[in-house]
Amino acid sequence: MKKFKLVKDNKKIIPCLSEVPENPKAVVIMVHGFTSSKSCATAELLFRRFPGCGVGVVTYDQPAHGKEEARDELLRIESCKQSLACVEEYVSVNYPDAEIFYFASSFGAYITGLYISTKNHKGRKAFFRSAAVIMPELVLGPEGAEPDAEIMAELDEKGYIEPDLGLGDRIKIPRGFLEDLQQNDLFKIFDNEKYGRTDIELVHGSCDMVVPVDAAKGFAQKFGFKINIMKGENHSICTDLSSPDKVADLALNFYFEQK
């Protein structure tokens, strides 16, 4: 496995990991979820399963995440999209003959959906696992809801909040990120044509207590994407020990299905 760092145009550092076989037929960029990192369990799954199938994997820490330099970059939606663009450029330059695919989990799927809707990009297939398609609602509450008084007091005092969400390491959430969410409803912004079509397939647990399965179904139905529902599974899709490998199989089949 290769460990390396990329430098963004704003001079911020993106810590990365990769495992790429010789002459890969494709390289998958993994975009991790909220409070997760490039070394999460999903990354371990992809590193274990994909290279042996001739598919490279590149993972990276999103802004404000992980334990290295990315943790020092302010969490903003644009900065997240810039990190993905930088990693994609690296893959494009270093593996010019390989197709580029995305594998995005939860918040990472939300960012990837915004990215392909608003930026020039090279990936033409994206697999969304437990996609946080309603990310603004998950953080801010339903549209029109009154903001939490304690949260607003903490924002006024420090300029950010650092809640324990029970998902992983705490991260700093600045006021600007909350404002970003108000302007980035994926259901309203998603555009699969403006910057070149990217086919998407979703997998979601029927018992997801973080992102309700009906939200993922609604996104898939609205935009005409296939969604795989895994009965009895949670947000991490790991209740059944065989489920992670089933997710990997779904992704590989999607990437290489006959067109």
Protein backbone atom coordinates (compact mmCIF):
# COMPACT_ATOMS: atom_id res chain seq x y z
CA MET A 1 0.00 0.00 0.00
CA LYS A 2 1.23 3.47 -0.91
CA LYS A 3 0.92 6.43 1.42
CA PHE A 4 1.26 9.89 -0.10
CA LYS A 5 0.11 13.49 0.18
CA LEU A 6 -1.31 15.88 -2.39
CA VAL A 7 -1.20 19.67 -2.24
CA LYS A 8 -4.30 21.62 -3.21
CA ASP A 9 -4.30 24.99 -4.95
CA ASN A 10 -4.94 26.60 -1.55
CA LYS A 11 -1.79 24.87 -0.22
CA LYS A 12 -3.79 22.56 2.06
CA ILE A 13 -2.61 18.95 2.30
CA ILE A 14 -4.63 15.85 1.40
CA PRO A 15 -3.26 12.66 3.02
CA CYS A 16 -3.94 9.66 0.76
CA LEU A 17 -3.63 5.89 0.60
CA SER A 18 -3.62 3.75 -2.53
CA GLU A 19 -3.36 0.18 -3.69
CA VAL A 20 -3.22 0.00 -7.47
CA PRO A 21 -2.30 -3.15 -9.43
CA GLU A 22 -0.10 -2.96 -12.51
CA ASN A 23 -2.04 -1.78 -15.56
CA PRO A 24 -5.36 -1.34 -13.74
CA LYS A 25 -8.52 -1.44 -15.81
CA ALA A 26 -10.04 1.10 -13.43
CA VAL A 27 -9.23 3.15 -10.35
CA VAL A 28 -11.88 3.77 -7.70
CA ILE A 29 -11.75 6.95 -5.63
CA MET A 30 -13.32 6.31 -2.23
CA VAL A 31 -15.00 9.29 -0.54
CA HIS A 32 -15.54 8.56 3.15
CA GLY A 33 -18.38 9.61 5.42
CA PHE A 34 -18.81 12.21 8.16
CA THR A 35 -16.30 11.87 11.04
CA SER A 36 -14.65 8.95 9.19
CA SER A 37 -11.31 8.82 7.36
CA LYS A 38 -9.26 7.30 4.55
CA SER A 39 -8.50 4.30 6.79
CA CYS A 40 -12.08 3.36 7.69
CA ALA A 41 -13.56 -0.14 7.55
CA THR A 42 -15.00 0.53 4.09
CA ALA A 43 -11.56 1.48 2.82
CA GLU A 44 -10.17 -1.76 4.26
CA LEU A 45 -12.91 -3.65 2.41
CA LEU A 46 -12.09 -2.02 -0.92
CA PHE A 47 -8.34 -2.56 -0.48
CA ARG A 48 -9.03 -6.23 0.25
CA ARG A 49 -11.43 -6.85 -2.62
CA PHE A 50 -10.73 -4.52 -5.54
CA PRO A 51 -7.00 -4.74 -6.44
CA GLY A 52 -7.26 -8.50 -6.94
CA CYS A 53 -9.93 -7.78 -9.57
CA GLY A 54 -7.61 -5.42 -11.45
CA VAL A 55 -9.13 -2.32 -9.86
CA GLY A 56 -7.03 0.25 -8.05
CA VAL A 57 -8.25 2.07 -4.94
CA VAL A 58 -7.35 5.57 -3.77
CA THR A 59 -8.68 6.88 -0.46
CA TYR A 60 -8.11 10.27 1.16
CA ASP A 61 -9.05 12.36 4.19
CA GLN A 62 -11.71 14.97 3.60
CA PRO A 63 -11.23 18.45 5.12
CA ALA A 64 -11.44 18.50 8.95
CA HIS A 65 -11.23 14.69 9.01
CA GLY A 66 -8.63 12.07 9.86
CA LYS A 67 -5.60 12.45 12.09
CA GLU A 68 -3.21 14.19 9.69
CA GLU A 69 -3.01 17.54 7.89
CA ALA A 70 -6.53 17.45 6.41
CA ARG A 71 -7.84 17.85 9.95
CA ASP A 72 -6.53 21.43 9.91
CA GLU A 73 -8.50 22.49 6.83
CA LEU A 74 -11.82 24.23 7.46
CA LEU A 75 -14.85 22.07 6.73
CA ARG A 76 -16.74 23.71 3.87
CA ILE A 77 -18.58 22.08 1.01
CA GLU A 78 -16.44 23.78 -1.61
CA SER A 79 -13.24 22.64 0.11
CA CYS A 80 -14.59 19.06 0.10
CA LYS A 81 -15.29 19.25 -3.63
CA GLN A 82 -11.82 20.72 -4.23
CA SER A 83 -10.20 17.79 -2.42
CA LEU A 84 -12.08 15.29 -4.58
CA ALA A 85 -11.08 17.20 -7.72
CA CYS A 86 -7.42 17.15 -6.64
CA VAL A 87 -7.46 13.40 -6.02
CA GLU A 88 -9.21 12.79 -9.32
CA GLU A 89 -6.56 14.81 -11.15
CA TYR A 90 -3.86 12.71 -9.49
CA VAL A 91 -5.56 9.51 -10.65
CA SER A 92 -6.06 10.87 -14.16
CA VAL A 93 -2.40 11.85 -14.55
CA ASN A 94 -0.90 8.73 -13.00
CA TYR A 95 -3.27 6.14 -14.51
CA PRO A 96 -4.31 7.70 -17.84
CA ASP A 97 -5.55 4.46 -19.36
CA ALA A 98 -7.76 3.47 -16.44
CA GLU A 99 -11.43 4.33 -16.07
CA ILE A 100 -12.24 6.42 -13.00
CA PHE A 101 -15.07 5.36 -10.70
CA TYR A 102 -16.32 6.68 -7.36
CA PHE A 103 -17.29 4.74 -4.25
CA ALA A 104 -18.87 7.13 -1.77
CA SER A 105 -20.32 6.52 1.69
CA SER A 106 -22.94 8.58 3.54
CA PHE A 107 -21.72 12.21 3.68
CA GLY A 108 -19.17 11.28 1.01
CA ALA A 109 -22.04 10.37 -1.32
CA TYR A 110 -23.65 13.75 -0.65
CA ILE A 111 -20.38 15.51 -1.54
CA THR A 112 -19.88 13.33 -4.63
CA GLY A 113 -23.41 14.07 -5.79
CA LEU A 114 -22.76 17.81 -5.46
CA TYR A 115 -19.37 17.43 -7.14
CA ILE A 116 -20.61 15.73 -10.28
CA SER A 117 -23.46 18.24 -10.47
CA THR A 118 -21.29 21.36 -10.27
CA LYS A 119 -17.77 20.50 -11.47
CA ASN A 120 -16.07 19.12 -14.54
CA HIS A 121 -15.17 15.55 -13.65
CA LYS A 122 -13.84 12.38 -15.24
CA GLY A 123 -15.62 9.63 -13.33
CA ARG A 124 -18.60 8.17 -15.15
CA LYS A 125 -19.86 5.70 -12.55
CA ALA A 126 -20.52 6.26 -8.84
CA PHE A 127 -21.60 3.70 -6.24
CA PHE A 128 -23.36 5.28 -3.24
CA ARG A 129 -23.38 3.35 0.05
CA SER A 130 -25.83 4.61 2.71
CA ALA A 131 -26.00 7.93 0.88
CA ALA A 132 -26.77 10.96 3.06
CA VAL A 133 -28.97 12.47 0.35
CA ILE A 134 -30.72 14.61 2.99
CA MET A 135 -27.52 15.84 4.67
CA PRO A 136 -28.89 19.37 5.40
CA GLU A 137 -31.87 17.90 7.24
CA LEU A 138 -29.66 15.48 9.18
CA VAL A 139 -27.56 18.34 10.55
CA LEU A 140 -29.98 21.30 10.62
CA GLY A 141 -33.27 19.51 11.20
CA PRO A 142 -36.37 19.72 9.03
CA GLU A 143 -36.79 22.81 6.88
CA GLY A 144 -38.21 25.65 8.96
CA ALA A 145 -37.19 24.11 12.29
CA GLU A 146 -35.96 26.45 15.02
CA PRO A 147 -32.20 26.18 15.63
CA ASP A 148 -31.07 24.53 18.84
CA ALA A 149 -30.35 27.22 21.45
CA GLU A 150 -27.32 25.44 22.90
CA ILE A 151 -25.79 24.94 19.46
CA MET A 152 -26.32 28.60 18.57
CA ALA A 153 -24.73 29.68 21.85
CA GLU A 154 -21.67 27.51 21.16
CA LEU A 155 -21.42 28.90 17.62
CA ASP A 156 -21.62 32.46 18.93
CA GLU A 157 -18.90 31.74 21.48
CA LYS A 158 -16.41 29.73 19.37
CA GLY A 159 -17.48 30.06 15.73
CA TYR A 160 -17.83 26.29 15.47
CA ILE A 161 -19.37 23.29 17.19
CA GLU A 162 -17.69 19.97 17.92
CA PRO A 163 -20.51 17.58 18.79
CA ASP A 164 -20.22 13.91 19.65
CA LEU A 165 -22.33 12.35 16.91
CA GLY A 166 -21.52 8.80 17.92
CA LEU A 167 -20.16 8.09 14.42
CA GLY A 168 -16.41 8.43 14.91
CA ASP A 169 -13.90 11.11 15.88
CA ARG A 170 -15.27 14.54 16.70
CA ILE A 171 -14.71 17.17 14.03
CA LYS A 172 -15.06 20.93 14.03
CA ILE A 173 -18.19 22.12 12.25
CA PRO A 174 -17.90 25.86 11.53
CA ARG A 175 -20.81 28.22 11.09
CA GLY A 176 -19.97 28.51 7.40
CA PHE A 177 -20.55 24.79 6.87
CA LEU A 178 -24.03 25.07 8.34
CA GLU A 179 -24.69 27.94 5.95
CA ASP A 180 -23.33 25.80 3.09
CA LEU A 181 -25.84 23.07 3.92
CA GLN A 182 -28.72 25.53 3.68
CA GLN A 183 -27.67 26.30 0.10
CA ASN A 184 -26.97 22.71 -0.99
CA ASP A 185 -30.09 20.58 -1.05
CA LEU A 186 -28.99 17.62 -3.20
CA PHE A 187 -32.55 16.97 -4.35
CA LYS A 188 -32.66 20.49 -5.82
CA ILE A 189 -29.08 20.78 -7.09
CA PHE A 190 -28.41 17.35 -8.53
CA ASP A 191 -27.75 17.53 -12.27
CA ASN A 192 -26.51 14.48 -14.09
CA GLU A 193 -26.12 16.06 -17.51
CA LYS A 194 -24.46 19.48 -17.26
CA TYR A 195 -20.92 18.19 -16.71
CA GLY A 196 -21.24 14.78 -18.36
CA ARG A 197 -23.45 11.92 -17.23
CA THR A 198 -22.31 9.80 -14.30
CA ASP A 199 -24.30 6.62 -13.76
CA ILE A 200 -25.15 5.98 -10.12
CA GLU A 201 -26.25 2.92 -8.19
CA LEU A 202 -27.15 2.93 -4.50
CA VAL A 203 -27.13 0.41 -1.68
CA HIS A 204 -28.95 1.13 1.58
CA GLY A 205 -29.89 -0.73 4.73
CA SER A 206 -33.61 -1.18 5.39
CA CYS A 207 -33.05 -0.35 9.08
CA ASP A 208 -30.73 2.64 8.61
CA MET A 209 -31.35 4.86 11.66
CA VAL A 210 -29.14 7.69 10.36
CA VAL A 211 -30.45 8.16 6.83
CA PRO A 212 -33.98 6.74 6.48
CA VAL A 213 -34.22 4.28 3.64
CA ASP A 214 -37.22 6.16 2.22
CA ALA A 215 -34.97 9.18 1.61
CA ALA A 216 -32.55 7.10 -0.45
CA LYS A 217 -35.46 5.49 -2.30
CA GLY A 218 -36.84 8.94 -3.06
CA PHE A 219 -33.55 10.10 -4.51
CA ALA A 220 -33.17 6.97 -6.63
CA GLN A 221 -36.74 7.25 -7.91
CA LYS A 222 -36.50 10.97 -8.70
CA PHE A 223 -33.35 10.62 -10.77
CA GLY A 224 -33.88 7.15 -12.21
CA PHE A 225 -31.15 5.20 -10.41
CA LYS A 226 -31.13 1.61 -9.22
CA ILE A 227 -31.15 1.10 -5.46
CA ASN A 228 -30.36 -2.14 -3.64
CA ILE A 229 -32.08 -2.50 -0.26
CA MET A 230 -30.32 -4.80 2.21
CA LYS A 231 -32.92 -6.17 4.58
CA GLY A 232 -32.19 -5.74 8.29
CA GLU A 233 -29.06 -3.71 7.69
CA ASN A 234 -28.04 -0.51 9.49
CA HIS A 235 -26.18 2.59 8.31
CA SER A 236 -22.83 0.79 8.35
CA ILE A 237 -24.26 -2.23 6.49
CA CYS A 238 -22.37 -4.67 8.68
CA THR A 239 -24.98 -6.30 10.92
CA ASP A 240 -24.51 -9.50 8.92
CA LEU A 241 -20.81 -10.31 8.65
CA SER A 242 -21.29 -11.17 4.97
CA SER A 243 -22.89 -7.82 4.11
CA PRO A 244 -19.70 -5.80 3.43
CA ASP A 245 -18.57 -8.33 0.83
CA LYS A 246 -22.04 -8.27 -0.72
CA VAL A 247 -21.70 -4.49 -1.03
CA ALA A 248 -18.30 -4.92 -2.71
CA ASP A 249 -19.83 -7.44 -5.13
CA LEU A 250 -22.66 -5.04 -5.98
CA ALA A 251 -20.18 -2.27 -6.69
CA LEU A 252 -17.95 -4.41 -8.91
CA ASN A 253 -20.92 -5.73 -10.84
CA PHE A 254 -22.17 -2.18 -11.35
CA TYR A 255 -18.80 -0.87 -12.50
CA PHE A 256 -18.31 -3.58 -15.08
CA GLU A 257 -21.83 -4.49 -16.15
CA GLN A 258 -22.43 -4.72 -19.88
CA LYS A 259 -23.38 -1.35 -21.30
